[in-house]
Amino acid sequence: GADKAAVARELGCDVVVDRRSEDVVSAVKDATGGRGADVIYDPVGGEA
């Protein structure tokens, strides 16, 4: 959601992906030049 995206930016995230309006996989690959993330912190499970 947009409200949570604003909070994430205020927290200092360099890149924010809104899973409700963006494809998470494509957005992360674009943000990393296709390399992906070195560490992924997942408190969600499921689709995340």
All heavy atoms as atom14 arrays in JSON, in Angstrom:
{
  "sequence": "GADKAAVARELGCDVVVDRRSEDVVSAVKDATGGRGADVIYDPVGGEA",
  "atom14_mask": [
    [1, 1, 1, 1, 0, 0, 0, 0, 0, 0, 0, 0, 0, 0],
    [1, 1, 1, 1, 1, 0, 0, 0, 0, 0, 0, 0, 0, 0],
    [1, 1, 1, 1, 1, 1, 1, 1, 0, 0, 0, 0, 0, 0],
    [1, 1, 1, 1, 1, 1, 1, 1, 1, 0, 0, 0, 0, 0],
    [1, 1, 1, 1, 1, 0, 0, 0, 0, 0, 0, 0, 0, 0],
    [1, 1, 1, 1, 1, 0, 0, 0, 0, 0, 0, 0, 0, 0],
    [1, 1, 1, 1, 1, 1, 1, 0, 0, 0, 0, 0, 0, 0],
    [1, 1, 1, 1, 1, 0, 0, 0, 0, 0, 0, 0, 0, 0],
    [1, 1, 1, 1, 1, 1, 1, 1, 1, 1, 1, 0, 0, 0],
    [1, 1, 1, 1, 1, 1, 1, 1, 1, 0, 0, 0, 0, 0],
    [1, 1, 1, 1, 1, 1, 1, 1, 0, 0, 0, 0, 0, 0],
    [1, 1, 1, 1, 0, 0, 0, 0, 0, 0, 0, 0, 0, 0],
    [1, 1, 1, 1, 1, 1, 0, 0, 0, 0, 0, 0, 0, 0],
    [1, 1, 1, 1, 1, 1, 1, 1, 0, 0, 0, 0, 0, 0],
    [1, 1, 1, 1, 1, 1, 1, 0, 0, 0, 0, 0, 0, 0],
    [1, 1, 1, 1, 1, 1, 1, 0, 0, 0, 0, 0, 0, 0],
    [1, 1, 1, 1, 1, 1, 1, 0, 0, 0, 0, 0, 0, 0],
    [1, 1, 1, 1, 1, 1, 1, 1, 0, 0, 0, 0, 0, 0],
    [1, 1, 1, 1, 1, 1, 1, 1, 1, 1, 1, 0, 0, 0],
    [1, 1, 1, 1, 1, 1, 1, 1, 1, 1, 1, 0, 0, 0],
    [1, 1, 1, 1, 1, 1, 0, 0, 0, 0, 0, 0, 0, 0],
    [1, 1, 1, 1, 1, 1, 1, 1, 1, 0, 0, 0, 0, 0],
    [1, 1, 1, 1, 1, 1, 1, 1, 0, 0, 0, 0, 0, 0],
    [1, 1, 1, 1, 1, 1, 1, 0, 0, 0, 0, 0, 0, 0],
    [1, 1, 1, 1, 1, 1, 1, 0, 0, 0, 0, 0, 0, 0],
    [1, 1, 1, 1, 1, 1, 0, 0, 0, 0, 0, 0, 0, 0],
    [1, 1, 1, 1, 1, 0, 0, 0, 0, 0, 0, 0, 0, 0],
    [1, 1, 1, 1, 1, 1, 1, 0, 0, 0, 0, 0, 0, 0],
    [1, 1, 1, 1, 1, 1, 1, 1, 1, 0, 0, 0, 0, 0],
    [1, 1, 1, 1, 1, 1, 1, 1, 0, 0, 0, 0, 0, 0],
    [1, 1, 1, 1, 1, 0, 0, 0, 0, 0, 0, 0, 0, 0],
    [1, 1, 1, 1, 1, 1, 1, 0, 0, 0, 0, 0, 0, 0],
    [1, 1, 1, 1, 0, 0, 0, 0, 0, 0, 0, 0, 0, 0],
    [1, 1, 1, 1, 0, 0, 0, 0, 0, 0, 0, 0, 0, 0],
    [1, 1, 1, 1, 1, 1, 1, 1, 1, 1, 1, 0, 0, 0],
    [1, 1, 1, 1, 0, 0, 0, 0, 0, 0, 0, 0, 0, 0],
    [1, 1, 1, 1, 1, 0, 0, 0, 0, 0, 0, 0, 0, 0],
    [1, 1, 1, 1, 1, 1, 1, 1, 0, 0, 0, 0, 0, 0],
    [1, 1, 1, 1, 1, 1, 1, 0, 0, 0, 0, 0, 0, 0],
    [1, 1, 1, 1, 1, 1, 1, 1, 0, 0, 0, 0, 0, 0],
    [1, 1, 1, 1, 1, 1, 1, 1, 1, 1, 1, 1, 0, 0],
    [1, 1, 1, 1, 1, 1, 1, 1, 0, 0, 0, 0, 0, 0],
    [1, 1, 1, 1, 1, 1, 1, 0, 0, 0, 0, 0, 0, 0],
    [1, 1, 1, 1, 1, 1, 1, 0, 0, 0, 0, 0, 0, 0],
    [1, 1, 1, 1, 0, 0, 0, 0, 0, 0, 0, 0, 0, 0],
    [1, 1, 1, 1, 0, 0, 0, 0, 0, 0, 0, 0, 0, 0],
    [1, 1, 1, 1, 1, 1, 1, 1, 1, 0, 0, 0, 0, 0],
    [1, 1, 1, 1, 1, 0, 0, 0, 0, 0, 0, 0, 0, 0]
  ],
  "atom14_positions": [
    [[0.8, -1.21, 0.0], [0.0, 0.0, 0.0], [0.83, 1.27, 0.0], [1.98, 1.29, 0.46], [0.0, 0.0, 0.0], [0.0, 0.0, 0.0], [0.0, 0.0, 0.0], [0.0, 0.0, 0.0], [0.0, 0.0, 0.0], [0.0, 0.0, 0.0], [0.0, 0.0, 0.0], [0.0, 0.0, 0.0], [0.0, 0.0, 0.0], [0.0, 0.0, 0.0]],
    [[0.24, 2.34, -0.52], [0.95, 3.61, -0.67], [1.34, 4.21, 0.68], [2.42, 4.8, 0.83], [0.07, 4.59, -1.45], [0.0, 0.0, 0.0], [0.0, 0.0, 0.0], [0.0, 0.0, 0.0], [0.0, 0.0, 0.0], [0.0, 0.0, 0.0], [0.0, 0.0, 0.0], [0.0, 0.0, 0.0], [0.0, 0.0, 0.0], [0.0, 0.0, 0.0]],
    [[0.46, 4.1, 1.68], [0.77, 4.66, 2.99], [1.99, 3.97, 3.6], [2.87, 4.62, 4.17], [-0.42, 4.51, 3.94], [-1.6, 5.41, 3.53], [-1.37, 6.32, 2.72], [-2.72, 5.18, 4.03], [0.0, 0.0, 0.0], [0.0, 0.0, 0.0], [0.0, 0.0, 0.0], [0.0, 0.0, 0.0], [0.0, 0.0, 0.0], [0.0, 0.0, 0.0]],
    [[2.05, 2.67, 3.48], [3.19, 1.93, 4.02], [4.45, 2.2, 3.2], [5.56, 2.19, 3.75], [2.87, 0.44, 4.08], [1.77, 0.11, 5.08], [1.55, -1.38, 5.24], [0.49, -1.66, 6.31], [0.28, -3.11, 6.53], [0.0, 0.0, 0.0], [0.0, 0.0, 0.0], [0.0, 0.0, 0.0], [0.0, 0.0, 0.0], [0.0, 0.0, 0.0]],
    [[4.29, 2.45, 1.92], [5.44, 2.8, 1.1], [6.07, 4.1, 1.58], [7.3, 4.24, 1.64], [5.03, 2.92, -0.37], [0.0, 0.0, 0.0], [0.0, 0.0, 0.0], [0.0, 0.0, 0.0], [0.0, 0.0, 0.0], [0.0, 0.0, 0.0], [0.0, 0.0, 0.0], [0.0, 0.0, 0.0], [0.0, 0.0, 0.0], [0.0, 0.0, 0.0]],
    [[5.23, 5.07, 1.95], [5.74, 6.34, 2.46], [6.5, 6.14, 3.77], [7.55, 6.75, 3.99], [4.58, 7.31, 2.66], [0.0, 0.0, 0.0], [0.0, 0.0, 0.0], [0.0, 0.0, 0.0], [0.0, 0.0, 0.0], [0.0, 0.0, 0.0], [0.0, 0.0, 0.0], [0.0, 0.0, 0.0], [0.0, 0.0, 0.0], [0.0, 0.0, 0.0]],
    [[5.98, 5.26, 4.62], [6.65, 4.98, 5.89], [8.01, 4.33, 5.63], [9.01, 4.68, 6.26], [5.77, 4.06, 6.77], [6.56, 3.55, 7.98], [4.53, 4.8, 7.23], [0.0, 0.0, 0.0], [0.0, 0.0, 0.0], [0.0, 0.0, 0.0], [0.0, 0.0, 0.0], [0.0, 0.0, 0.0], [0.0, 0.0, 0.0], [0.0, 0.0, 0.0]],
    [[8.06, 3.4, 4.7], [9.32, 2.71, 4.39], [10.37, 3.68, 3.87], [11.55, 3.57, 4.2], [9.07, 1.6, 3.37], [0.0, 0.0, 0.0], [0.0, 0.0, 0.0], [0.0, 0.0, 0.0], [0.0, 0.0, 0.0], [0.0, 0.0, 0.0], [0.0, 0.0, 0.0], [0.0, 0.0, 0.0], [0.0, 0.0, 0.0], [0.0, 0.0, 0.0]],
    [[9.94, 4.65, 3.08], [10.89, 5.66, 2.59], [11.41, 6.5, 3.74], [12.61, 6.81, 3.8], [10.22, 6.54, 1.54], [9.89, 5.81, 0.24], [9.41, 6.75, -0.85], [8.97, 5.99, -2.02], [7.72, 5.66, -2.26], [6.76, 6.03, -1.41], [7.4, 4.97, -3.33], [0.0, 0.0, 0.0], [0.0, 0.0, 0.0], [0.0, 0.0, 0.0]],
    [[10.53, 6.88, 4.66], [10.95, 7.66, 5.81], [11.93, 6.88, 6.69], [12.81, 7.46, 7.33], [9.73, 8.09, 6.63], [8.83, 9.1, 5.92], [7.57, 9.39, 6.71], [7.44, 8.87, 7.84], [6.71, 10.12, 6.19], [0.0, 0.0, 0.0], [0.0, 0.0, 0.0], [0.0, 0.0, 0.0], [0.0, 0.0, 0.0], [0.0, 0.0, 0.0]],
    [[11.78, 5.56, 6.72], [12.67, 4.72, 7.52], [14.07, 4.66, 6.92], [15.02, 4.28, 7.61], [12.11, 3.3, 7.64], [10.93, 3.11, 8.59], [10.28, 1.75, 8.35], [11.39, 3.23, 10.04], [0.0, 0.0, 0.0], [0.0, 0.0, 0.0], [0.0, 0.0, 0.0], [0.0, 0.0, 0.0], [0.0, 0.0, 0.0], [0.0, 0.0, 0.0]],
    [[14.19, 5.0, 5.63], [15.5, 4.99, 5.0], [15.69, 3.97, 3.91], [16.82, 3.79, 3.42], [0.0, 0.0, 0.0], [0.0, 0.0, 0.0], [0.0, 0.0, 0.0], [0.0, 0.0, 0.0], [0.0, 0.0, 0.0], [0.0, 0.0, 0.0], [0.0, 0.0, 0.0], [0.0, 0.0, 0.0], [0.0, 0.0, 0.0], [0.0, 0.0, 0.0]],
    [[14.64, 3.26, 3.5], [14.79, 2.29, 2.41], [15.3, 2.99, 1.15], [14.8, 4.05, 0.76], [13.45, 1.62, 2.1], [12.92, 0.41, 3.32], [0.0, 0.0, 0.0], [0.0, 0.0, 0.0], [0.0, 0.0, 0.0], [0.0, 0.0, 0.0], [0.0, 0.0, 0.0], [0.0, 0.0, 0.0], [0.0, 0.0, 0.0], [0.0, 0.0, 0.0]],
    [[16.29, 2.4, 0.51], [16.83, 2.95, -0.73], [15.88, 2.72, -1.9], [15.8, 3.53, -2.82], [18.19, 2.32, -1.02], [19.2, 2.59, 0.08], [19.74, 3.72, 0.13], [19.43, 1.69, 0.91], [0.0, 0.0, 0.0], [0.0, 0.0, 0.0], [0.0, 0.0, 0.0], [0.0, 0.0, 0.0], [0.0, 0.0, 0.0], [0.0, 0.0, 0.0]],
    [[15.18, 1.6, -1.86], [14.19, 1.25, -2.88], [12.97, 0.72, -2.16], [13.09, -0.06, -1.21], [14.73, 0.17, -3.85], [13.64, -0.22, -4.87], [15.98, 0.65, -4.56], [0.0, 0.0, 0.0], [0.0, 0.0, 0.0], [0.0, 0.0, 0.0], [0.0, 0.0, 0.0], [0.0, 0.0, 0.0], [0.0, 0.0, 0.0], [0.0, 0.0, 0.0]],
    [[11.79, 1.16, -2.57], [10.54, 0.67, -1.98], [9.69, 0.04, -3.08], [9.48, 0.65, -4.14], [9.76, 1.81, -1.29], [8.42, 1.27, -0.75], [10.57, 2.42, -0.16], [0.0, 0.0, 0.0], [0.0, 0.0, 0.0], [0.0, 0.0, 0.0], [0.0, 0.0, 0.0], [0.0, 0.0, 0.0], [0.0, 0.0, 0.0], [0.0, 0.0, 0.0]],
    [[9.2, -1.17, -2.83], [8.36, -1.88, -3.78], [6.99, -2.1, -3.15], [6.88, -2.71, -2.08], [8.98, -3.25, -4.16], [8.07, -3.98, -5.14], [10.37, -3.06, -4.73], [0.0, 0.0, 0.0], [0.0, 0.0, 0.0], [0.0, 0.0, 0.0], [0.0, 0.0, 0.0], [0.0, 0.0, 0.0], [0.0, 0.0, 0.0], [0.0, 0.0, 0.0]],
    [[5.96, -1.59, -3.79], [4.58, -1.79, -3.32], [4.01, -3.02, -4.0], [3.72, -3.0, -5.2], [3.74, -0.54, -3.65], [2.32, -0.62, -3.09], [1.92, -1.71, -2.62], [1.61, 0.39, -3.13], [0.0, 0.0, 0.0], [0.0, 0.0, 0.0], [0.0, 0.0, 0.0], [0.0, 0.0, 0.0], [0.0, 0.0, 0.0], [0.0, 0.0, 0.0]],
    [[3.87, -4.08, -3.23], [3.43, -5.35, -3.81], [2.0, -5.29, -4.35], [1.59, -6.16, -5.13], [3.53, -6.47, -2.78], [2.74, -6.25, -1.5], [2.87, -7.41, -0.53], [2.26, -7.14, 0.75], [0.96, -7.23, 1.0], [0.14, -7.61, 0.03], [0.48, -6.97, 2.2], [0.0, 0.0, 0.0], [0.0, 0.0, 0.0], [0.0, 0.0, 0.0]],
    [[1.24, -4.26, -3.94], [-0.14, -4.14, -4.42], [-0.22, -3.53, -5.82], [-1.22, -3.72, -6.52], [-0.97, -3.31, -3.45], [-1.17, -3.98, -2.09], [-2.06, -3.16, -1.19], [-2.24, -3.81, 0.1], [-2.92, -3.25, 1.11], [-3.47, -2.05, 0.97], [-3.04, -3.9, 2.26], [0.0, 0.0, 0.0], [0.0, 0.0, 0.0], [0.0, 0.0, 0.0]],
    [[0.8, -2.79, -6.2], [0.76, -2.12, -7.5], [1.95, -2.49, -8.39], [1.99, -2.06, -9.55], [0.74, -0.6, -7.31], [1.89, -0.15, -6.6], [0.0, 0.0, 0.0], [0.0, 0.0, 0.0], [0.0, 0.0, 0.0], [0.0, 0.0, 0.0], [0.0, 0.0, 0.0], [0.0, 0.0, 0.0], [0.0, 0.0, 0.0], [0.0, 0.0, 0.0]],
    [[2.91, -3.27, -7.87], [4.08, -3.65, -8.65], [4.31, -5.15, -8.56], [3.91, -5.8, -7.6], [5.33, -2.93, -8.12], [5.26, -1.42, -8.11], [6.49, -0.81, -7.47], [7.55, -0.8, -8.13], [6.4, -0.36, -6.31], [0.0, 0.0, 0.0], [0.0, 0.0, 0.0], [0.0, 0.0, 0.0], [0.0, 0.0, 0.0], [0.0, 0.0, 0.0]],
    [[4.97, -5.67, -9.57], [5.42, -7.06, -9.53], [6.71, -7.09, -8.74], [7.73, -6.5, -9.16], [5.63, -7.58, -10.95], [6.1, -9.03, -10.95], [5.25, -9.93, -10.95], [7.34, -9.25, -10.92], [0.0, 0.0, 0.0], [0.0, 0.0, 0.0], [0.0, 0.0, 0.0], [0.0, 0.0, 0.0], [0.0, 0.0, 0.0], [0.0, 0.0, 0.0]],
    [[6.69, -7.74, -7.59], [7.83, -7.72, -6.68], [9.08, -8.29, -7.34], [10.18, -7.7, -7.26], [7.51, -8.48, -5.38], [8.76, -8.6, -4.51], [6.4, -7.78, -4.61], [0.0, 0.0, 0.0], [0.0, 0.0, 0.0], [0.0, 0.0, 0.0], [0.0, 0.0, 0.0], [0.0, 0.0, 0.0], [0.0, 0.0, 0.0], [0.0, 0.0, 0.0]],
    [[8.96, -9.41, -7.99], [10.12, -10.07, -8.59], [10.77, -9.17, -9.64], [11.98, -8.95, -9.65], [9.74, -11.43, -9.18], [10.92, -12.04, -9.93], [9.26, -12.36, -8.07], [0.0, 0.0, 0.0], [0.0, 0.0, 0.0], [0.0, 0.0, 0.0], [0.0, 0.0, 0.0], [0.0, 0.0, 0.0], [0.0, 0.0, 0.0], [0.0, 0.0, 0.0]],
    [[9.96, -8.62, -10.54], [10.5, -7.76, -11.6], [11.12, -6.5, -11.01], [12.2, -6.07, -11.45], [9.39, -7.37, -12.58], [8.88, -8.51, -13.25], [0.0, 0.0, 0.0], [0.0, 0.0, 0.0], [0.0, 0.0, 0.0], [0.0, 0.0, 0.0], [0.0, 0.0, 0.0], [0.0, 0.0, 0.0], [0.0, 0.0, 0.0], [0.0, 0.0, 0.0]],
    [[10.46, -5.91, -10.01], [10.95, -4.66, -9.42], [12.29, -4.87, -8.73], [13.2, -4.04, -8.84], [9.93, -4.11, -8.44], [0.0, 0.0, 0.0], [0.0, 0.0, 0.0], [0.0, 0.0, 0.0], [0.0, 0.0, 0.0], [0.0, 0.0, 0.0], [0.0, 0.0, 0.0], [0.0, 0.0, 0.0], [0.0, 0.0, 0.0], [0.0, 0.0, 0.0]],
    [[12.43, -5.98, -8.02], [13.69, -6.25, -7.31], [14.81, -6.55, -8.31], [15.95, -6.08, -8.15], [13.52, -7.41, -6.31], [14.87, -7.8, -5.7], [12.54, -7.02, -5.21], [0.0, 0.0, 0.0], [0.0, 0.0, 0.0], [0.0, 0.0, 0.0], [0.0, 0.0, 0.0], [0.0, 0.0, 0.0], [0.0, 0.0, 0.0], [0.0, 0.0, 0.0]],
    [[14.5, -7.31, -9.34], [15.52, -7.6, -10.36], [15.97, -6.32, -11.06], [17.16, -6.12, -11.33], [14.99, -8.62, -11.36], [14.89, -10.03, -10.79], [14.47, -11.05, -11.85], [14.49, -12.46, -11.28], [14.07, -13.46, -12.3], [0.0, 0.0, 0.0], [0.0, 0.0, 0.0], [0.0, 0.0, 0.0], [0.0, 0.0, 0.0], [0.0, 0.0, 0.0]],
    [[15.01, -5.43, -11.34], [15.36, -4.16, -11.96], [16.24, -3.33, -11.04], [17.21, -2.69, -11.49], [14.09, -3.37, -12.3], [13.31, -3.96, -13.47], [13.89, -4.81, -14.2], [12.13, -3.6, -13.64], [0.0, 0.0, 0.0], [0.0, 0.0, 0.0], [0.0, 0.0, 0.0], [0.0, 0.0, 0.0], [0.0, 0.0, 0.0], [0.0, 0.0, 0.0]],
    [[15.92, -3.33, -9.76], [16.65, -2.51, -8.8], [18.06, -3.03, -8.54], [18.92, -2.28, -8.06], [15.88, -2.42, -7.48], [0.0, 0.0, 0.0], [0.0, 0.0, 0.0], [0.0, 0.0, 0.0], [0.0, 0.0, 0.0], [0.0, 0.0, 0.0], [0.0, 0.0, 0.0], [0.0, 0.0, 0.0], [0.0, 0.0, 0.0], [0.0, 0.0, 0.0]],
    [[18.29, -4.31, -8.84], [19.6, -4.91, -8.56], [20.35, -5.29, -9.83], [21.36, -6.01, -9.76], [19.44, -6.17, -7.68], [18.6, -7.12, -8.37], [18.82, -5.82, -6.33], [0.0, 0.0, 0.0], [0.0, 0.0, 0.0], [0.0, 0.0, 0.0], [0.0, 0.0, 0.0], [0.0, 0.0, 0.0], [0.0, 0.0, 0.0], [0.0, 0.0, 0.0]],
    [[19.88, -4.82, -10.96], [20.53, -5.16, -12.22], [20.48, -6.64, -12.53], [21.37, -7.19, -13.19], [0.0, 0.0, 0.0], [0.0, 0.0, 0.0], [0.0, 0.0, 0.0], [0.0, 0.0, 0.0], [0.0, 0.0, 0.0], [0.0, 0.0, 0.0], [0.0, 0.0, 0.0], [0.0, 0.0, 0.0], [0.0, 0.0, 0.0], [0.0, 0.0, 0.0]],
    [[19.45, -7.3, -12.03], [19.26, -8.72, -12.28], [19.99, -9.63, -11.3], [19.8, -10.85, -11.32], [0.0, 0.0, 0.0], [0.0, 0.0, 0.0], [0.0, 0.0, 0.0], [0.0, 0.0, 0.0], [0.0, 0.0, 0.0], [0.0, 0.0, 0.0], [0.0, 0.0, 0.0], [0.0, 0.0, 0.0], [0.0, 0.0, 0.0], [0.0, 0.0, 0.0]],
    [[20.81, -9.05, -10.42], [21.62, -9.87, -9.51], [20.79, -10.43, -8.36], [21.02, -11.55, -7.9], [22.77, -9.03, -8.96], [23.69, -9.8, -8.05], [24.87, -8.94, -7.59], [25.74, -9.7, -6.7], [25.52, -9.86, -5.4], [24.47, -9.28, -4.84], [26.35, -10.56, -4.66], [0.0, 0.0, 0.0], [0.0, 0.0, 0.0], [0.0, 0.0, 0.0]],
    [[19.86, -9.66, -7.82], [19.07, -10.09, -6.68], [19.62, -9.58, -5.37], [20.62, -8.84, -5.33], [0.0, 0.0, 0.0], [0.0, 0.0, 0.0], [0.0, 0.0, 0.0], [0.0, 0.0, 0.0], [0.0, 0.0, 0.0], [0.0, 0.0, 0.0], [0.0, 0.0, 0.0], [0.0, 0.0, 0.0], [0.0, 0.0, 0.0], [0.0, 0.0, 0.0]],
    [[18.99, -9.96, -4.28], [19.36, -9.49, -2.94], [20.27, -10.5, -2.24], [20.05, -11.7, -2.3], [18.11, -9.25, -2.1], [0.0, 0.0, 0.0], [0.0, 0.0, 0.0], [0.0, 0.0, 0.0], [0.0, 0.0, 0.0], [0.0, 0.0, 0.0], [0.0, 0.0, 0.0], [0.0, 0.0, 0.0], [0.0, 0.0, 0.0], [0.0, 0.0, 0.0]],
    [[21.29, -9.98, -1.57], [22.22, -10.85, -0.86], [21.58, -11.47, 0.38], [21.81, -12.64, 0.7], [23.46, -10.05, -0.43], [24.2, -9.48, -1.62], [24.8, -10.26, -2.37], [24.15, -8.25, -1.81], [0.0, 0.0, 0.0], [0.0, 0.0, 0.0], [0.0, 0.0, 0.0], [0.0, 0.0, 0.0], [0.0, 0.0, 0.0], [0.0, 0.0, 0.0]],
    [[20.81, -10.66, 1.1], [20.12, -11.14, 2.3], [18.66, -10.76, 2.19], [18.33, -9.61, 1.83], [20.73, -10.54, 3.58], [19.92, -10.96, 4.81], [22.18, -10.97, 3.74], [0.0, 0.0, 0.0], [0.0, 0.0, 0.0], [0.0, 0.0, 0.0], [0.0, 0.0, 0.0], [0.0, 0.0, 0.0], [0.0, 0.0, 0.0], [0.0, 0.0, 0.0]],
    [[17.77, -11.69, 2.49], [16.33, -11.44, 2.47], [15.77, -11.76, 3.84], [15.98, -12.86, 4.36], [15.62, -12.27, 1.38], [16.2, -11.92, 0.0], [14.12, -12.03, 1.42], [15.61, -12.73, -1.14], [0.0, 0.0, 0.0], [0.0, 0.0, 0.0], [0.0, 0.0, 0.0], [0.0, 0.0, 0.0], [0.0, 0.0, 0.0], [0.0, 0.0, 0.0]],
    [[15.09, -10.79, 4.41], [14.55, -10.9, 5.77], [13.04, -11.07, 5.65], [12.33, -10.16, 5.21], [14.9, -9.63, 6.55], [14.66, -9.7, 8.04], [15.56, -10.34, 8.89], [13.55, -9.07, 8.6], [15.35, -10.37, 10.25], [13.34, -9.09, 9.97], [14.25, -9.74, 10.79], [14.06, -9.76, 12.15], [0.0, 0.0, 0.0], [0.0, 0.0, 0.0]],
    [[12.54, -12.25, 6.03], [11.15, -12.6, 5.75], [10.36, -12.95, 7.01], [10.43, -14.09, 7.5], [11.1, -13.77, 4.76], [9.67, -14.16, 4.4], [8.74, -13.39, 4.7], [9.48, -15.24, 3.83], [0.0, 0.0, 0.0], [0.0, 0.0, 0.0], [0.0, 0.0, 0.0], [0.0, 0.0, 0.0], [0.0, 0.0, 0.0], [0.0, 0.0, 0.0]],
    [[9.57, -12.01, 7.53], [8.66, -12.32, 8.62], [7.25, -12.68, 8.15], [6.33, -12.77, 8.95], [8.63, -11.0, 9.41], [8.8, -9.95, 8.37], [9.62, -10.57, 7.25], [0.0, 0.0, 0.0], [0.0, 0.0, 0.0], [0.0, 0.0, 0.0], [0.0, 0.0, 0.0], [0.0, 0.0, 0.0], [0.0, 0.0, 0.0], [0.0, 0.0, 0.0]],
    [[7.08, -12.86, 6.84], [5.75, -13.0, 6.25], [5.43, -14.43, 5.84], [4.36, -14.96, 6.11], [5.59, -12.06, 5.04], [4.21, -12.22, 4.41], [5.82, -10.61, 5.45], [0.0, 0.0, 0.0], [0.0, 0.0, 0.0], [0.0, 0.0, 0.0], [0.0, 0.0, 0.0], [0.0, 0.0, 0.0], [0.0, 0.0, 0.0], [0.0, 0.0, 0.0]],
    [[6.37, -15.08, 5.13], [6.1, -16.42, 4.62], [5.18, -16.39, 3.42], [4.98, -15.36, 2.79], [0.0, 0.0, 0.0], [0.0, 0.0, 0.0], [0.0, 0.0, 0.0], [0.0, 0.0, 0.0], [0.0, 0.0, 0.0], [0.0, 0.0, 0.0], [0.0, 0.0, 0.0], [0.0, 0.0, 0.0], [0.0, 0.0, 0.0], [0.0, 0.0, 0.0]],
    [[4.59, -17.53, 3.1], [3.64, -17.59, 2.0], [4.23, -17.12, 0.68], [5.33, -17.49, 0.3], [0.0, 0.0, 0.0], [0.0, 0.0, 0.0], [0.0, 0.0, 0.0], [0.0, 0.0, 0.0], [0.0, 0.0, 0.0], [0.0, 0.0, 0.0], [0.0, 0.0, 0.0], [0.0, 0.0, 0.0], [0.0, 0.0, 0.0], [0.0, 0.0, 0.0]],
    [[3.49, -16.27, -0.02], [3.91, -15.75, -1.31], [5.2, -14.95, -1.21], [6.02, -14.95, -2.15], [2.8, -14.89, -1.92], [3.13, -14.27, -3.27], [3.42, -15.31, -4.36], [2.96, -16.47, -4.23], [4.1, -14.95, -5.34], [0.0, 0.0, 0.0], [0.0, 0.0, 0.0], [0.0, 0.0, 0.0], [0.0, 0.0, 0.0], [0.0, 0.0, 0.0]],
    [[5.4, -14.27, -0.08], [6.63, -13.49, 0.1], [7.86, -14.41, 0.03], [8.88, -14.04, -0.56], [6.61, -12.74, 1.42], [0.0, 0.0, 0.0], [0.0, 0.0, 0.0], [0.0, 0.0, 0.0], [0.0, 0.0, 0.0], [0.0, 0.0, 0.0], [0.0, 0.0, 0.0], [0.0, 0.0, 0.0], [0.0, 0.0, 0.0], [0.0, 0.0, 0.0]]
  ]
}
